[in-house]
Amino acid sequence: MIYVATVCLLTLLGVVYVKLYDVVKAHQPEALPRFYLIMTVIRMILVASLAGIYALLAEDRQEVIRFIAIYMVMYVAMMVVTLSMRH
């Protein structure tokens, strides 16, 4: 169940990033570097927060390690996909 929530969160973050990128690019293209930096920080904070909350709530250490490893792989994949779509 947690993996489904993770995929949904990362998909939502990717979609929001792409839509906001389009808005910023259309209205204020000179702000794109700042937008990219802000969105990267927001995504990192959300991802780290969810991983930390799961690590605190989960009882099995091996499951936590497996979850965080898979979560980080999905996060990197999301970053690569969103960057390749827009740059």
C-alpha atoms as a PDB file:
ATOM      1  CA  MET A   1       0.000   0.000   0.000  1.00  0.00           C
ATOM      2  CA  ILE A   2       2.798   2.418   0.840  1.00  0.00           C
ATOM      3  CA  TYR A   3       4.352   1.864  -2.592  1.00  0.00           C
ATOM      4  CA  VAL A   4       1.103   2.829  -4.309  1.00  0.00           C
ATOM      5  CA  ALA A   5       0.966   6.009  -2.220  1.00  0.00           C
ATOM      6  CA  THR A   6       4.584   6.713  -3.132  1.00  0.00           C
ATOM      7  CA  VAL A   7       3.938   6.326  -6.847  1.00  0.00           C
ATOM      8  CA  CYS A   8       0.857   8.550  -6.564  1.00  0.00           C
ATOM      9  CA  LEU A   9       2.772  11.242  -4.674  1.00  0.00           C
ATOM     10  CA  LEU A  10       5.685  11.248  -7.099  1.00  0.00           C
ATOM     11  CA  THR A  11       3.329  11.277 -10.081  1.00  0.00           C
ATOM     12  CA  LEU A  12       1.399  14.178  -8.576  1.00  0.00           C
ATOM     13  CA  LEU A  13       4.622  16.085  -7.904  1.00  0.00           C
ATOM     14  CA  GLY A  14       5.747  15.507 -11.484  1.00  0.00           C
ATOM     15  CA  VAL A  15       2.450  16.665 -12.964  1.00  0.00           C
ATOM     16  CA  VAL A  16       2.369  19.760 -10.743  1.00  0.00           C
ATOM     17  CA  TYR A  17       5.954  20.571 -11.729  1.00  0.00           C
ATOM     18  CA  VAL A  18       5.203  20.307 -15.461  1.00  0.00           C
ATOM     19  CA  LYS A  19       2.005  22.372 -15.226  1.00  0.00           C
ATOM     20  CA  LEU A  20       3.632  25.087 -13.113  1.00  0.00           C
ATOM     21  CA  TYR A  21       6.646  25.104 -15.432  1.00  0.00           C
ATOM     22  CA  ASP A  22       4.315  25.855 -18.353  1.00  0.00           C
ATOM     23  CA  VAL A  23       2.659  28.696 -16.432  1.00  0.00           C
ATOM     24  CA  VAL A  24       5.971  30.255 -15.370  1.00  0.00           C
ATOM     25  CA  LYS A  25       7.423  29.877 -18.860  1.00  0.00           C
ATOM     26  CA  ALA A  26       4.390  31.560 -20.419  1.00  0.00           C
ATOM     27  CA  HIS A  27       4.163  34.478 -17.996  1.00  0.00           C
ATOM     28  CA  GLN A  28       7.662  35.070 -16.670  1.00  0.00           C
ATOM     29  CA  PRO A  29      10.366  33.080 -18.486  1.00  0.00           C
ATOM     30  CA  GLU A  30      13.176  34.917 -16.705  1.00  0.00           C
ATOM     31  CA  ALA A  31      11.969  33.362 -13.430  1.00  0.00           C
ATOM     32  CA  LEU A  32      12.505  29.774 -14.623  1.00  0.00           C
ATOM     33  CA  PRO A  33      15.830  29.229 -12.808  1.00  0.00           C
ATOM     34  CA  ARG A  34      14.295  30.407  -9.525  1.00  0.00           C
ATOM     35  CA  PHE A  35      11.208  28.278 -10.143  1.00  0.00           C
ATOM     36  CA  TYR A  36      13.354  25.216 -10.783  1.00  0.00           C
ATOM     37  CA  LEU A  37      15.324  25.770  -7.575  1.00  0.00           C
ATOM     38  CA  ILE A  38      12.207  26.315  -5.462  1.00  0.00           C
ATOM     39  CA  MET A  39      10.422  23.271  -6.884  1.00  0.00           C
ATOM     40  CA  THR A  40      13.492  21.101  -6.373  1.00  0.00           C
ATOM     41  CA  VAL A  41      13.687  22.115  -2.718  1.00  0.00           C
ATOM     42  CA  ILE A  42       9.955  21.544  -2.207  1.00  0.00           C
ATOM     43  CA  ARG A  43      10.140  18.087  -3.801  1.00  0.00           C
ATOM     44  CA  MET A  44      13.188  17.125  -1.724  1.00  0.00           C
ATOM     45  CA  ILE A  45      11.519  18.255   1.502  1.00  0.00           C
ATOM     46  CA  LEU A  46       8.327  16.338   0.716  1.00  0.00           C
ATOM     47  CA  VAL A  47      10.207  13.196  -0.276  1.00  0.00           C
ATOM     48  CA  ALA A  48      12.494  13.321   2.770  1.00  0.00           C
ATOM     49  CA  SER A  49       9.529  13.993   5.068  1.00  0.00           C
ATOM     50  CA  LEU A  50       7.551  11.031   3.793  1.00  0.00           C
ATOM     51  CA  ALA A  51      10.574   8.733   4.001  1.00  0.00           C
ATOM     52  CA  GLY A  52      11.296   9.951   7.555  1.00  0.00           C
ATOM     53  CA  ILE A  53       7.706   9.499   8.687  1.00  0.00           C
ATOM     54  CA  TYR A  54       7.630   5.982   7.275  1.00  0.00           C
ATOM     55  CA  ALA A  55      10.964   5.165   8.935  1.00  0.00           C
ATOM     56  CA  LEU A  56       9.595   6.307  12.286  1.00  0.00           C
ATOM     57  CA  LEU A  57       6.306   4.436  11.966  1.00  0.00           C
ATOM     58  CA  ALA A  58       7.504   1.163  10.441  1.00  0.00           C
ATOM     59  CA  GLU A  59       8.491  -1.660  12.747  1.00  0.00           C
ATOM     60  CA  ASP A  60      10.710  -3.742  10.463  1.00  0.00           C
ATOM     61  CA  ARG A  61      14.147  -2.241   9.764  1.00  0.00           C
ATOM     62  CA  GLN A  62      14.639  -4.252   6.561  1.00  0.00           C
ATOM     63  CA  GLU A  63      11.298  -3.031   5.225  1.00  0.00           C
ATOM     64  CA  VAL A  64      12.323   0.575   5.939  1.00  0.00           C
ATOM     65  CA  ILE A  65      15.619   0.127   4.104  1.00  0.00           C
ATOM     66  CA  ARG A  66      13.870  -1.495   1.150  1.00  0.00           C
ATOM     67  CA  PHE A  67      11.205   1.230   1.061  1.00  0.00           C
ATOM     68  CA  ILE A  68      13.712   4.084   1.169  1.00  0.00           C
ATOM     69  CA  ALA A  69      15.866   2.462  -1.531  1.00  0.00           C
ATOM     70  CA  ILE A  70      12.880   2.007  -3.848  1.00  0.00           C
ATOM     71  CA  TYR A  71      11.590   5.471  -2.976  1.00  0.00           C
ATOM     72  CA  MET A  72      14.913   7.111  -3.862  1.00  0.00           C
ATOM     73  CA  VAL A  73      15.089   5.227  -7.168  1.00  0.00           C
ATOM     74  CA  MET A  74      11.575   6.415  -8.021  1.00  0.00           C
ATOM     75  CA  TYR A  75      12.489   9.972  -6.971  1.00  0.00           C
ATOM     76  CA  VAL A  76      15.557  10.007  -9.218  1.00  0.00           C
ATOM     77  CA  ALA A  77      13.484   8.589 -12.086  1.00  0.00           C
ATOM     78  CA  MET A  78      10.882  11.324 -11.551  1.00  0.00           C
ATOM     79  CA  MET A  79      13.594  13.997 -11.617  1.00  0.00           C
ATOM     80  CA  VAL A  80      15.069  12.596 -14.839  1.00  0.00           C
ATOM     81  CA  VAL A  81      11.666  12.365 -16.518  1.00  0.00           C
ATOM     82  CA  THR A  82      10.583  15.888 -15.574  1.00  0.00           C
ATOM     83  CA  LEU A  83      13.928  17.353 -16.592  1.00  0.00           C
ATOM     84  CA  SER A  84      13.972  15.515 -19.912  1.00  0.00           C
ATOM     85  CA  MET A  85      10.405  16.632 -20.660  1.00  0.00           C
ATOM     86  CA  ARG A  86      11.189  20.304 -20.184  1.00  0.00           C
ATOM     87  CA  HIS A  87      14.826  20.842 -21.118  1.00  0.00           C
END
